[in-house]
N, C-alpha and C. Protein backbone atom coordinates (compact mmCIF):
# COMPACT_ATOMS: atom_id res chain seq x y z
N MET A 1 139.97 112.48 54.61
CA MET A 1 138.97 111.47 54.92
C MET A 1 137.74 112.15 55.50
N THR A 2 136.55 111.81 55.00
CA THR A 2 135.31 112.40 55.47
C THR A 2 134.84 111.71 56.73
N MET A 3 134.49 112.52 57.74
CA MET A 3 134.00 111.96 59.00
C MET A 3 132.55 111.55 58.85
N ASP A 4 132.20 110.38 59.35
CA ASP A 4 130.82 109.91 59.35
C ASP A 4 130.15 110.43 60.61
N TYR A 5 129.47 111.59 60.48
CA TYR A 5 128.89 112.21 61.66
C TYR A 5 127.72 111.40 62.20
N ARG A 6 127.00 110.70 61.35
CA ARG A 6 125.90 109.87 61.84
C ARG A 6 126.43 108.78 62.76
N LYS A 7 127.55 108.18 62.35
CA LYS A 7 128.16 107.14 63.21
C LYS A 7 128.65 107.76 64.51
N LEU A 8 129.22 108.94 64.44
CA LEU A 8 129.71 109.62 65.64
C LEU A 8 128.58 109.89 66.62
N LEU A 9 127.42 110.30 66.10
CA LEU A 9 126.32 110.71 66.96
C LEU A 9 125.53 109.54 67.53
N PHE A 10 125.35 108.49 66.74
CA PHE A 10 124.41 107.44 67.14
C PHE A 10 125.06 106.13 67.52
N ASN A 11 126.36 106.01 67.40
CA ASN A 11 127.04 104.79 67.81
C ASN A 11 127.45 104.92 69.27
N ILE A 12 126.89 104.05 70.11
CA ILE A 12 127.24 104.09 71.53
C ILE A 12 128.10 102.89 71.91
N ASP A 13 128.61 102.15 70.92
CA ASP A 13 129.50 101.04 71.25
C ASP A 13 130.67 101.56 72.09
N ILE A 14 130.98 100.82 73.13
CA ILE A 14 132.07 101.21 74.02
C ILE A 14 133.32 100.47 73.59
N PRO A 15 134.32 101.19 73.09
CA PRO A 15 135.45 100.54 72.42
C PRO A 15 136.36 99.74 73.35
N SER A 16 136.56 100.19 74.56
CA SER A 16 137.47 99.48 75.46
C SER A 16 136.89 99.52 76.86
N ARG A 17 136.30 98.43 77.27
CA ARG A 17 135.61 98.38 78.55
C ARG A 17 136.59 98.22 79.70
N GLN A 18 136.41 99.03 80.72
CA GLN A 18 137.08 98.78 81.99
C GLN A 18 136.23 97.82 82.80
N ALA A 19 136.86 97.08 83.67
CA ALA A 19 136.12 96.18 84.55
C ALA A 19 135.46 96.99 85.66
N PRO A 20 134.20 96.70 85.99
CA PRO A 20 133.58 97.38 87.11
C PRO A 20 134.18 96.93 88.43
N GLY A 21 134.02 97.71 89.46
CA GLY A 21 134.51 97.36 90.78
C GLY A 21 134.19 98.46 91.76
N GLU A 22 134.33 98.17 93.03
CA GLU A 22 134.06 99.17 94.05
C GLU A 22 134.97 100.37 93.85
N GLY A 23 134.37 101.56 93.90
CA GLY A 23 135.13 102.78 93.70
C GLY A 23 135.21 103.23 92.26
N LYS A 24 134.69 102.44 91.31
CA LYS A 24 134.64 102.86 89.91
C LYS A 24 133.36 103.66 89.66
N LEU A 25 133.37 104.42 88.57
CA LEU A 25 132.19 105.17 88.16
C LEU A 25 131.49 104.47 87.00
N LEU A 26 130.17 104.46 87.05
CA LEU A 26 129.34 104.05 85.92
C LEU A 26 128.78 105.32 85.29
N VAL A 27 128.98 105.46 83.99
CA VAL A 27 128.51 106.65 83.26
C VAL A 27 127.42 106.20 82.31
N SER A 28 126.22 106.74 82.46
CA SER A 28 125.10 106.28 81.64
C SER A 28 125.27 106.71 80.19
N GLU A 29 124.91 105.82 79.27
CA GLU A 29 124.97 106.18 77.85
C GLU A 29 123.94 107.27 77.57
N PRO A 30 124.15 108.09 76.53
CA PRO A 30 123.37 109.32 76.39
C PRO A 30 121.90 109.13 76.05
N PHE A 31 121.49 107.93 75.60
CA PHE A 31 120.08 107.72 75.27
C PHE A 31 119.30 107.09 76.41
N LEU A 32 119.94 106.90 77.57
CA LEU A 32 119.27 106.30 78.71
C LEU A 32 118.48 107.38 79.44
N HIS A 33 117.20 107.47 79.14
CA HIS A 33 116.38 108.57 79.67
C HIS A 33 115.46 108.12 80.79
N GLU A 34 115.89 107.15 81.59
CA GLU A 34 115.14 106.78 82.78
C GLU A 34 115.29 107.88 83.84
N ASP A 35 114.27 108.01 84.66
CA ASP A 35 114.22 109.15 85.60
C ASP A 35 115.49 109.31 86.43
N HIS A 36 115.96 108.24 87.04
CA HIS A 36 117.10 108.35 87.94
C HIS A 36 118.44 108.31 87.21
N PHE A 37 118.45 107.84 85.96
CA PHE A 37 119.73 107.55 85.31
C PHE A 37 119.99 108.36 84.05
N ASP A 38 119.18 109.37 83.79
CA ASP A 38 119.40 110.24 82.63
C ASP A 38 120.64 111.10 82.89
N HIS A 39 121.68 110.88 82.07
CA HIS A 39 122.97 111.57 82.25
C HIS A 39 123.48 111.41 83.69
N ALA A 40 123.40 110.19 84.19
CA ALA A 40 123.81 109.90 85.56
C ALA A 40 125.26 109.43 85.62
N VAL A 41 125.90 109.77 86.73
CA VAL A 41 127.20 109.22 87.08
C VAL A 41 127.02 108.51 88.42
N VAL A 42 127.30 107.21 88.43
CA VAL A 42 127.05 106.38 89.61
C VAL A 42 128.38 105.92 90.18
N LEU A 43 128.56 106.11 91.47
CA LEU A 43 129.72 105.56 92.16
C LEU A 43 129.35 104.17 92.66
N LEU A 44 130.09 103.15 92.23
CA LEU A 44 129.87 101.79 92.73
C LEU A 44 130.47 101.67 94.12
N VAL A 45 129.65 101.28 95.08
CA VAL A 45 130.14 101.12 96.45
C VAL A 45 130.20 99.65 96.86
N ASP A 46 129.58 98.78 96.08
CA ASP A 46 129.64 97.34 96.35
C ASP A 46 129.46 96.63 95.02
N TYR A 47 130.30 95.64 94.76
CA TYR A 47 130.23 94.93 93.47
C TYR A 47 130.79 93.53 93.62
N GLU A 48 130.10 92.59 93.00
CA GLU A 48 130.56 91.21 92.92
C GLU A 48 130.33 90.74 91.49
N LYS A 49 131.36 90.26 90.83
CA LYS A 49 131.23 89.86 89.44
C LYS A 49 130.15 88.80 89.30
N ASP A 50 129.25 89.03 88.33
CA ASP A 50 128.11 88.15 88.10
C ASP A 50 127.23 88.02 89.33
N GLY A 51 127.30 89.02 90.19
CA GLY A 51 126.48 89.01 91.41
C GLY A 51 125.87 90.38 91.62
N PRO A 52 125.37 90.63 92.83
CA PRO A 52 124.71 91.91 93.10
C PRO A 52 125.68 93.08 93.12
N ALA A 53 125.14 94.27 92.96
CA ALA A 53 125.95 95.49 92.98
C ALA A 53 125.11 96.62 93.57
N MET A 54 125.79 97.59 94.13
CA MET A 54 125.13 98.75 94.72
C MET A 54 125.94 99.99 94.40
N GLY A 55 125.25 101.09 94.13
CA GLY A 55 125.92 102.36 93.88
C GLY A 55 125.01 103.51 94.23
N VAL A 56 125.56 104.72 94.12
CA VAL A 56 124.76 105.93 94.32
C VAL A 56 125.01 106.88 93.16
N VAL A 57 123.93 107.44 92.63
CA VAL A 57 124.05 108.50 91.62
C VAL A 57 124.56 109.74 92.34
N VAL A 58 125.67 110.29 91.87
CA VAL A 58 126.30 111.39 92.62
C VAL A 58 125.91 112.78 92.13
N ASN A 59 125.26 112.89 90.97
CA ASN A 59 125.08 114.22 90.37
C ASN A 59 123.62 114.63 90.18
N ASN A 60 122.71 114.02 90.94
CA ASN A 60 121.28 114.31 90.76
C ASN A 60 120.70 114.90 92.05
N GLU A 61 120.68 116.21 92.14
CA GLU A 61 120.24 116.88 93.37
C GLU A 61 118.72 116.83 93.50
N THR A 62 118.24 116.62 94.73
CA THR A 62 116.81 116.67 95.01
C THR A 62 116.44 118.08 95.47
N ARG A 63 115.17 118.27 95.78
CA ARG A 63 114.70 119.56 96.31
C ARG A 63 114.88 119.64 97.82
N TYR A 64 115.33 118.56 98.43
CA TYR A 64 115.45 118.52 99.89
C TYR A 64 116.79 119.06 100.35
N SER A 65 116.77 119.57 101.57
CA SER A 65 118.02 119.92 102.26
C SER A 65 118.18 118.96 103.43
N LEU A 66 119.42 118.83 103.91
CA LEU A 66 119.68 117.97 105.06
C LEU A 66 118.92 118.48 106.29
N GLN A 67 118.80 119.79 106.40
CA GLN A 67 118.11 120.38 107.54
C GLN A 67 116.65 119.95 107.60
N GLU A 68 116.05 119.66 106.43
CA GLU A 68 114.66 119.21 106.41
C GLU A 68 114.51 117.76 106.83
N LEU A 69 115.57 116.99 106.72
CA LEU A 69 115.47 115.54 106.92
C LEU A 69 116.04 115.06 108.25
N ILE A 70 116.95 115.83 108.84
CA ILE A 70 117.60 115.42 110.08
C ILE A 70 117.45 116.52 111.12
N ALA A 71 117.06 116.13 112.32
CA ALA A 71 116.91 117.10 113.40
C ALA A 71 118.28 117.53 113.93
N ASP A 72 118.29 118.72 114.50
CA ASP A 72 119.45 119.24 115.24
C ASP A 72 120.66 119.53 114.36
N ILE A 73 120.44 119.84 113.08
CA ILE A 73 121.51 120.39 112.25
C ILE A 73 121.48 121.90 112.44
N LYS A 74 122.56 122.45 113.00
CA LYS A 74 122.55 123.86 113.40
C LYS A 74 123.13 124.79 112.35
N VAL A 75 123.69 124.23 111.29
CA VAL A 75 124.26 125.06 110.23
C VAL A 75 123.13 125.71 109.45
N GLU A 76 123.22 127.00 109.24
CA GLU A 76 122.14 127.71 108.54
C GLU A 76 122.23 127.55 107.03
N GLU A 77 123.44 127.49 106.48
CA GLU A 77 123.58 127.36 105.03
C GLU A 77 123.00 126.03 104.57
N ARG A 78 122.19 126.09 103.52
CA ARG A 78 121.49 124.90 103.02
C ARG A 78 122.49 123.80 102.62
N ILE A 79 122.26 122.58 103.09
CA ILE A 79 123.08 121.42 102.71
C ILE A 79 122.23 120.56 101.78
N PRO A 80 122.56 120.48 100.50
CA PRO A 80 121.71 119.75 99.56
C PRO A 80 121.76 118.24 99.78
N VAL A 81 120.68 117.59 99.39
CA VAL A 81 120.58 116.13 99.42
C VAL A 81 120.38 115.66 97.99
N TYR A 82 121.06 114.58 97.62
CA TYR A 82 121.03 114.06 96.25
C TYR A 82 120.22 112.77 96.19
N SER A 83 119.75 112.46 95.00
CA SER A 83 119.01 111.21 94.77
C SER A 83 120.01 110.12 94.39
N GLY A 84 120.22 109.17 95.30
CA GLY A 84 121.19 108.12 95.03
C GLY A 84 120.66 107.02 94.12
N GLY A 85 119.33 106.96 93.96
CA GLY A 85 118.74 105.94 93.10
C GLY A 85 117.35 105.57 93.58
N PRO A 86 116.72 104.64 92.88
CA PRO A 86 115.31 104.35 93.15
C PRO A 86 115.06 103.37 94.30
N VAL A 87 116.10 102.75 94.84
CA VAL A 87 115.92 101.74 95.88
C VAL A 87 116.01 102.40 97.26
N ALA A 88 115.06 102.05 98.14
CA ALA A 88 115.05 102.57 99.52
C ALA A 88 115.20 104.08 99.55
N ASP A 89 114.37 104.76 98.75
CA ASP A 89 114.53 106.20 98.65
C ASP A 89 113.90 106.96 99.82
N ASP A 90 113.49 106.22 100.85
CA ASP A 90 113.08 106.87 102.10
C ASP A 90 114.18 106.74 103.16
N HIS A 91 115.37 106.28 102.75
CA HIS A 91 116.51 106.16 103.64
C HIS A 91 117.61 107.11 103.20
N LEU A 92 118.32 107.65 104.20
CA LEU A 92 119.39 108.60 103.93
C LEU A 92 120.75 107.91 104.06
N TYR A 93 121.61 108.14 103.08
CA TYR A 93 122.97 107.60 103.06
C TYR A 93 123.94 108.76 102.90
N PHE A 94 125.21 108.53 103.23
CA PHE A 94 126.17 109.59 102.96
C PHE A 94 127.54 109.03 102.62
N LEU A 95 128.23 109.76 101.75
CA LEU A 95 129.62 109.52 101.39
C LEU A 95 130.47 110.62 102.00
N HIS A 96 131.72 110.31 102.30
CA HIS A 96 132.57 111.32 102.89
C HIS A 96 134.05 111.02 102.66
N THR A 97 134.86 112.01 102.98
CA THR A 97 136.32 111.88 102.85
C THR A 97 136.99 111.87 104.22
N LEU A 98 136.23 111.67 105.28
CA LEU A 98 136.72 111.89 106.64
C LEU A 98 137.30 110.65 107.30
N GLY A 99 137.18 109.51 106.65
CA GLY A 99 137.77 108.30 107.19
C GLY A 99 137.26 107.98 108.58
N ASP A 100 138.17 107.59 109.47
CA ASP A 100 137.80 107.13 110.81
C ASP A 100 137.39 108.25 111.75
N LEU A 101 137.37 109.50 111.27
CA LEU A 101 136.76 110.55 112.07
C LEU A 101 135.28 110.25 112.33
N ILE A 102 134.69 109.45 111.43
CA ILE A 102 133.31 108.99 111.62
C ILE A 102 133.36 107.49 111.93
N PRO A 103 133.04 107.10 113.15
CA PRO A 103 133.09 105.68 113.52
C PRO A 103 132.12 104.84 112.68
N GLU A 104 132.45 103.55 112.58
CA GLU A 104 131.60 102.56 111.92
C GLU A 104 131.42 102.84 110.43
N THR A 105 132.36 103.54 109.84
CA THR A 105 132.28 103.83 108.41
C THR A 105 132.86 102.68 107.60
N ASN A 106 132.56 102.66 106.29
CA ASN A 106 133.01 101.59 105.40
C ASN A 106 133.81 102.17 104.25
N PRO A 107 135.05 101.74 104.03
CA PRO A 107 135.84 102.27 102.91
C PRO A 107 135.26 101.81 101.58
N VAL A 108 135.26 102.73 100.62
CA VAL A 108 134.83 102.42 99.25
C VAL A 108 136.04 102.32 98.34
N CYS A 109 136.91 103.31 98.39
CA CYS A 109 138.15 103.34 97.62
C CYS A 109 139.06 104.36 98.29
N ASP A 110 140.23 104.58 97.74
CA ASP A 110 141.16 105.54 98.35
C ASP A 110 140.50 106.91 98.51
N GLY A 111 140.37 107.35 99.74
CA GLY A 111 139.86 108.69 100.00
C GLY A 111 138.37 108.81 100.12
N LEU A 112 137.61 107.71 99.98
CA LEU A 112 136.15 107.77 100.05
C LEU A 112 135.61 106.70 100.98
N TRP A 113 134.65 107.10 101.83
CA TRP A 113 133.99 106.17 102.75
C TRP A 113 132.49 106.33 102.64
N LEU A 114 131.79 105.27 103.01
CA LEU A 114 130.32 105.26 102.98
C LEU A 114 129.78 105.09 104.39
N GLY A 115 128.88 106.01 104.77
CA GLY A 115 128.13 105.87 106.00
C GLY A 115 128.97 105.96 107.27
N GLY A 116 128.35 105.54 108.34
CA GLY A 116 128.97 105.60 109.66
C GLY A 116 127.99 106.13 110.68
N ASP A 117 128.50 106.48 111.83
CA ASP A 117 127.68 106.92 112.95
C ASP A 117 127.08 108.30 112.67
N PHE A 118 125.73 108.37 112.67
CA PHE A 118 125.06 109.62 112.33
C PHE A 118 125.30 110.70 113.38
N ASP A 119 125.39 110.34 114.64
CA ASP A 119 125.63 111.35 115.67
C ASP A 119 127.00 112.00 115.50
N ALA A 120 128.01 111.19 115.15
CA ALA A 120 129.34 111.74 114.92
C ALA A 120 129.34 112.65 113.69
N MET A 121 128.63 112.22 112.64
CA MET A 121 128.54 113.04 111.43
C MET A 121 127.86 114.37 111.73
N ARG A 122 126.78 114.34 112.50
CA ARG A 122 126.05 115.56 112.84
C ARG A 122 126.92 116.50 113.67
N ALA A 123 127.69 115.94 114.59
CA ALA A 123 128.58 116.77 115.42
C ALA A 123 129.65 117.44 114.58
N ILE A 124 130.19 116.72 113.60
CA ILE A 124 131.21 117.30 112.73
C ILE A 124 130.63 118.47 111.93
N ILE A 125 129.41 118.29 111.42
CA ILE A 125 128.75 119.37 110.68
C ILE A 125 128.51 120.57 111.59
N ASN A 126 127.99 120.32 112.76
CA ASN A 126 127.66 121.43 113.68
C ASN A 126 128.90 122.14 114.21
N ASP A 127 130.05 121.46 114.17
CA ASP A 127 131.31 122.10 114.57
C ASP A 127 131.89 122.99 113.47
N GLY A 128 131.20 123.02 112.32
CA GLY A 128 131.62 123.91 111.25
C GLY A 128 132.56 123.32 110.23
N TYR A 129 132.71 121.98 110.21
CA TYR A 129 133.60 121.36 109.22
C TYR A 129 133.04 121.62 107.82
N PRO A 130 133.88 121.97 106.85
CA PRO A 130 133.37 122.26 105.50
C PRO A 130 132.71 121.04 104.86
N ILE A 131 131.51 121.24 104.34
CA ILE A 131 130.72 120.15 103.76
C ILE A 131 131.11 119.90 102.31
N GLU A 132 131.20 120.98 101.53
CA GLU A 132 131.46 120.86 100.09
C GLU A 132 132.74 120.09 99.82
N GLY A 133 132.61 119.01 99.06
CA GLY A 133 133.77 118.20 98.71
C GLY A 133 134.17 117.19 99.76
N ASN A 134 133.50 117.20 100.91
CA ASN A 134 133.85 116.29 102.00
C ASN A 134 132.72 115.39 102.45
N LEU A 135 131.49 115.88 102.34
CA LEU A 135 130.32 115.11 102.76
C LEU A 135 129.23 115.30 101.72
N ARG A 136 128.56 114.20 101.35
CA ARG A 136 127.41 114.31 100.46
C ARG A 136 126.35 113.31 100.88
N PHE A 137 125.10 113.76 100.86
CA PHE A 137 123.98 112.99 101.38
C PHE A 137 123.06 112.56 100.24
N PHE A 138 122.49 111.36 100.39
CA PHE A 138 121.69 110.75 99.32
C PHE A 138 120.43 110.12 99.89
N LEU A 139 119.34 110.32 99.19
CA LEU A 139 118.14 109.54 99.43
C LEU A 139 118.13 108.37 98.46
N GLY A 140 118.12 107.15 99.00
CA GLY A 140 118.07 105.96 98.16
C GLY A 140 119.41 105.59 97.56
N TYR A 141 119.41 104.47 96.88
CA TYR A 141 120.61 103.98 96.19
C TYR A 141 120.20 103.25 94.92
N SER A 142 121.18 102.88 94.13
CA SER A 142 120.96 102.14 92.89
C SER A 142 121.43 100.71 93.12
N GLY A 143 120.58 99.74 92.79
CA GLY A 143 120.92 98.36 93.05
C GLY A 143 120.69 97.47 91.84
N TRP A 144 121.51 96.45 91.72
CA TRP A 144 121.40 95.46 90.66
C TRP A 144 121.46 94.07 91.28
N SER A 145 120.62 93.16 90.83
CA SER A 145 120.60 91.81 91.37
C SER A 145 121.30 90.86 90.40
N GLY A 146 121.77 89.74 90.95
CA GLY A 146 122.40 88.73 90.12
C GLY A 146 123.47 89.31 89.22
N SER A 147 123.43 88.97 87.94
CA SER A 147 124.41 89.48 86.98
C SER A 147 123.86 90.66 86.17
N GLN A 148 122.83 91.32 86.71
CA GLN A 148 122.15 92.39 85.97
C GLN A 148 123.10 93.49 85.53
N LEU A 149 123.96 93.97 86.42
CA LEU A 149 124.86 95.06 86.04
C LEU A 149 125.83 94.61 84.95
N ASP A 150 126.41 93.43 85.09
CA ASP A 150 127.35 92.94 84.07
C ASP A 150 126.67 92.86 82.71
N GLU A 151 125.41 92.43 82.69
CA GLU A 151 124.67 92.35 81.42
C GLU A 151 124.42 93.74 80.85
N GLU A 152 124.10 94.70 81.71
CA GLU A 152 123.88 96.07 81.23
C GLU A 152 125.16 96.68 80.67
N ILE A 153 126.28 96.39 81.30
CA ILE A 153 127.56 96.88 80.78
C ILE A 153 127.86 96.26 79.43
N GLU A 154 127.57 94.98 79.27
CA GLU A 154 127.77 94.31 77.98
C GLU A 154 126.89 94.93 76.89
N ARG A 155 125.71 95.44 77.27
CA ARG A 155 124.80 96.06 76.31
C ARG A 155 125.09 97.53 76.11
N ASN A 156 126.20 98.01 76.69
CA ASN A 156 126.61 99.41 76.54
C ASN A 156 125.67 100.40 77.21
N VAL A 157 124.93 99.95 78.22
CA VAL A 157 124.10 100.88 79.00
C VAL A 157 125.00 101.79 79.84
N TRP A 158 126.14 101.23 80.30
CA TRP A 158 127.06 101.96 81.15
C TRP A 158 128.48 101.86 80.60
N ALA A 159 129.21 102.96 80.70
CA ALA A 159 130.66 102.92 80.54
C ALA A 159 131.26 102.97 81.93
N VAL A 160 132.38 102.30 82.12
CA VAL A 160 133.05 102.25 83.42
C VAL A 160 134.33 103.07 83.33
N THR A 161 134.55 103.91 84.33
CA THR A 161 135.77 104.70 84.35
C THR A 161 136.22 104.89 85.80
N ARG A 162 137.42 105.45 85.95
CA ARG A 162 137.98 105.62 87.29
C ARG A 162 137.30 106.78 88.01
N THR A 163 137.45 106.80 89.33
CA THR A 163 136.77 107.82 90.14
C THR A 163 137.48 109.17 90.08
N GLY A 164 138.79 109.18 90.13
CA GLY A 164 139.50 110.45 90.18
C GLY A 164 139.51 111.04 91.59
N ASP A 165 139.54 112.36 91.67
CA ASP A 165 139.67 113.06 92.94
C ASP A 165 138.38 112.94 93.76
N PRO A 166 138.43 112.35 94.97
CA PRO A 166 137.22 112.21 95.78
C PRO A 166 136.55 113.54 96.11
N HIS A 167 137.33 114.58 96.35
CA HIS A 167 136.75 115.89 96.68
C HIS A 167 135.99 116.46 95.49
N ALA A 168 136.51 116.25 94.29
CA ALA A 168 135.80 116.71 93.09
C ALA A 168 134.51 115.94 92.91
N LEU A 169 134.54 114.64 93.20
CA LEU A 169 133.34 113.81 93.08
C LEU A 169 132.25 114.30 94.02
N LEU A 170 132.62 114.67 95.24
CA LEU A 170 131.64 115.12 96.22
C LEU A 170 131.30 116.60 96.07
N SER A 171 131.81 117.22 95.01
CA SER A 171 131.42 118.59 94.65
C SER A 171 130.64 118.60 93.35
N ALA A 172 130.46 117.43 92.74
CA ALA A 172 129.84 117.34 91.42
C ALA A 172 128.36 117.64 91.47
N ALA A 173 127.85 118.21 90.39
CA ALA A 173 126.42 118.47 90.33
C ALA A 173 125.94 118.51 88.89
N GLY A 174 124.79 117.91 88.66
CA GLY A 174 124.05 118.10 87.43
C GLY A 174 124.66 117.52 86.18
N ASP A 175 124.07 117.97 85.07
CA ASP A 175 124.45 117.48 83.75
C ASP A 175 125.88 117.84 83.40
N SER A 176 126.37 118.97 83.91
CA SER A 176 127.73 119.38 83.57
C SER A 176 128.76 118.36 84.06
N PHE A 177 128.47 117.69 85.18
CA PHE A 177 129.42 116.69 85.68
C PHE A 177 129.44 115.48 84.76
N TRP A 178 128.29 115.04 84.29
CA TRP A 178 128.25 113.93 83.31
C TRP A 178 129.12 114.29 82.10
N HIS A 179 128.98 115.51 81.59
CA HIS A 179 129.77 115.93 80.43
C HIS A 179 131.26 115.95 80.75
N SER A 180 131.62 116.42 81.93
CA SER A 180 133.05 116.50 82.26
C SER A 180 133.65 115.10 82.38
N VAL A 181 132.89 114.15 82.94
CA VAL A 181 133.40 112.78 83.04
C VAL A 181 133.53 112.16 81.66
N VAL A 182 132.53 112.37 80.81
CA VAL A 182 132.61 111.83 79.45
C VAL A 182 133.82 112.41 78.71
N ARG A 183 134.07 113.71 78.85
CA ARG A 183 135.24 114.31 78.20
C ARG A 183 136.53 113.67 78.70
N SER A 184 136.58 113.35 79.99
CA SER A 184 137.79 112.75 80.54
C SER A 184 138.04 111.34 80.03
N MET A 185 137.02 110.71 79.44
CA MET A 185 137.13 109.34 78.95
C MET A 185 137.76 109.25 77.56
N GLY A 186 138.00 110.39 76.91
CA GLY A 186 138.75 110.39 75.67
C GLY A 186 137.91 110.60 74.42
N ARG A 187 138.61 110.70 73.30
CA ARG A 187 138.00 111.03 72.01
C ARG A 187 136.99 109.98 71.56
N GLU A 188 137.17 108.75 71.97
CA GLU A 188 136.26 107.70 71.53
C GLU A 188 134.82 107.95 71.99
N TYR A 189 134.66 108.77 73.01
CA TYR A 189 133.33 109.02 73.56
C TYR A 189 132.78 110.39 73.19
N ARG A 190 133.45 111.11 72.32
CA ARG A 190 133.03 112.50 72.09
C ARG A 190 131.65 112.60 71.45
N GLY A 191 131.20 111.56 70.73
CA GLY A 191 129.85 111.56 70.17
C GLY A 191 128.78 111.63 71.24
N TRP A 192 129.08 111.12 72.42
CA TRP A 192 128.11 111.16 73.52
C TRP A 192 127.79 112.60 73.91
N LEU A 193 128.75 113.51 73.72
CA LEU A 193 128.61 114.88 74.23
C LEU A 193 127.60 115.70 73.44
N TYR A 194 127.17 115.21 72.27
CA TYR A 194 126.24 115.97 71.44
C TYR A 194 124.78 115.73 71.79
N HIS A 195 124.53 114.95 72.85
CA HIS A 195 123.16 114.60 73.20
C HIS A 195 122.75 115.31 74.47
N PRO A 196 121.83 116.28 74.39
CA PRO A 196 121.40 117.02 75.59
C PRO A 196 120.57 116.13 76.51
N ARG A 197 120.53 116.53 77.78
CA ARG A 197 119.73 115.78 78.74
C ARG A 197 118.25 115.86 78.38
N ASN A 198 117.82 117.00 77.89
CA ASN A 198 116.43 117.18 77.47
C ASN A 198 116.42 117.52 75.99
N PRO A 199 116.26 116.51 75.08
CA PRO A 199 116.31 116.77 73.65
C PRO A 199 115.28 117.79 73.19
N ARG A 200 114.15 117.90 73.87
CA ARG A 200 113.10 118.84 73.47
C ARG A 200 113.52 120.28 73.67
N ALA A 201 114.61 120.48 74.45
CA ALA A 201 115.07 121.84 74.70
C ALA A 201 115.83 122.41 73.50
N ASN A 202 116.22 121.56 72.55
CA ASN A 202 116.98 122.02 71.38
C ASN A 202 116.06 122.56 70.30
């Protein structure tokens, strides 16, 4: 049987949709070339069916370091800050695996929490706790109003998949993470892998 490579490359229909929910990942379809969402992987941190939703892009690093944005960080090694999305991008957010070690935190899913007391977080960093895979910082977030996200999922703008290992998620970076998540979603999505983040580079 001859494979239809055109269909493989240009068909972005999502064959079996998972339901979105807090702690799920949104994976942008390969032709979505918006600034914040080009080859983006978004962790949903708040979701209501046919209602508002909030998430953070986990794999889009900015040029900023945490040391540039927060006073009294004593660690010399650069701590990168990621772009969580276009909303409130002058505010800093963080995800972590530390649970109640950080007071006033909010659970997202098994092994992942959002935010909490900044002084406690800063003290943990300054005490030398390992950052990679345990803490990640974001400027801004991604937000959807009303049923906007559900409509975008219906239009195949996003595929929904499970989060997997929280430590791996908080170690993710760049386009390679988008590709690794797409590969984990199975053969039905392999056509997505043939589309570079910057088509002009080919």
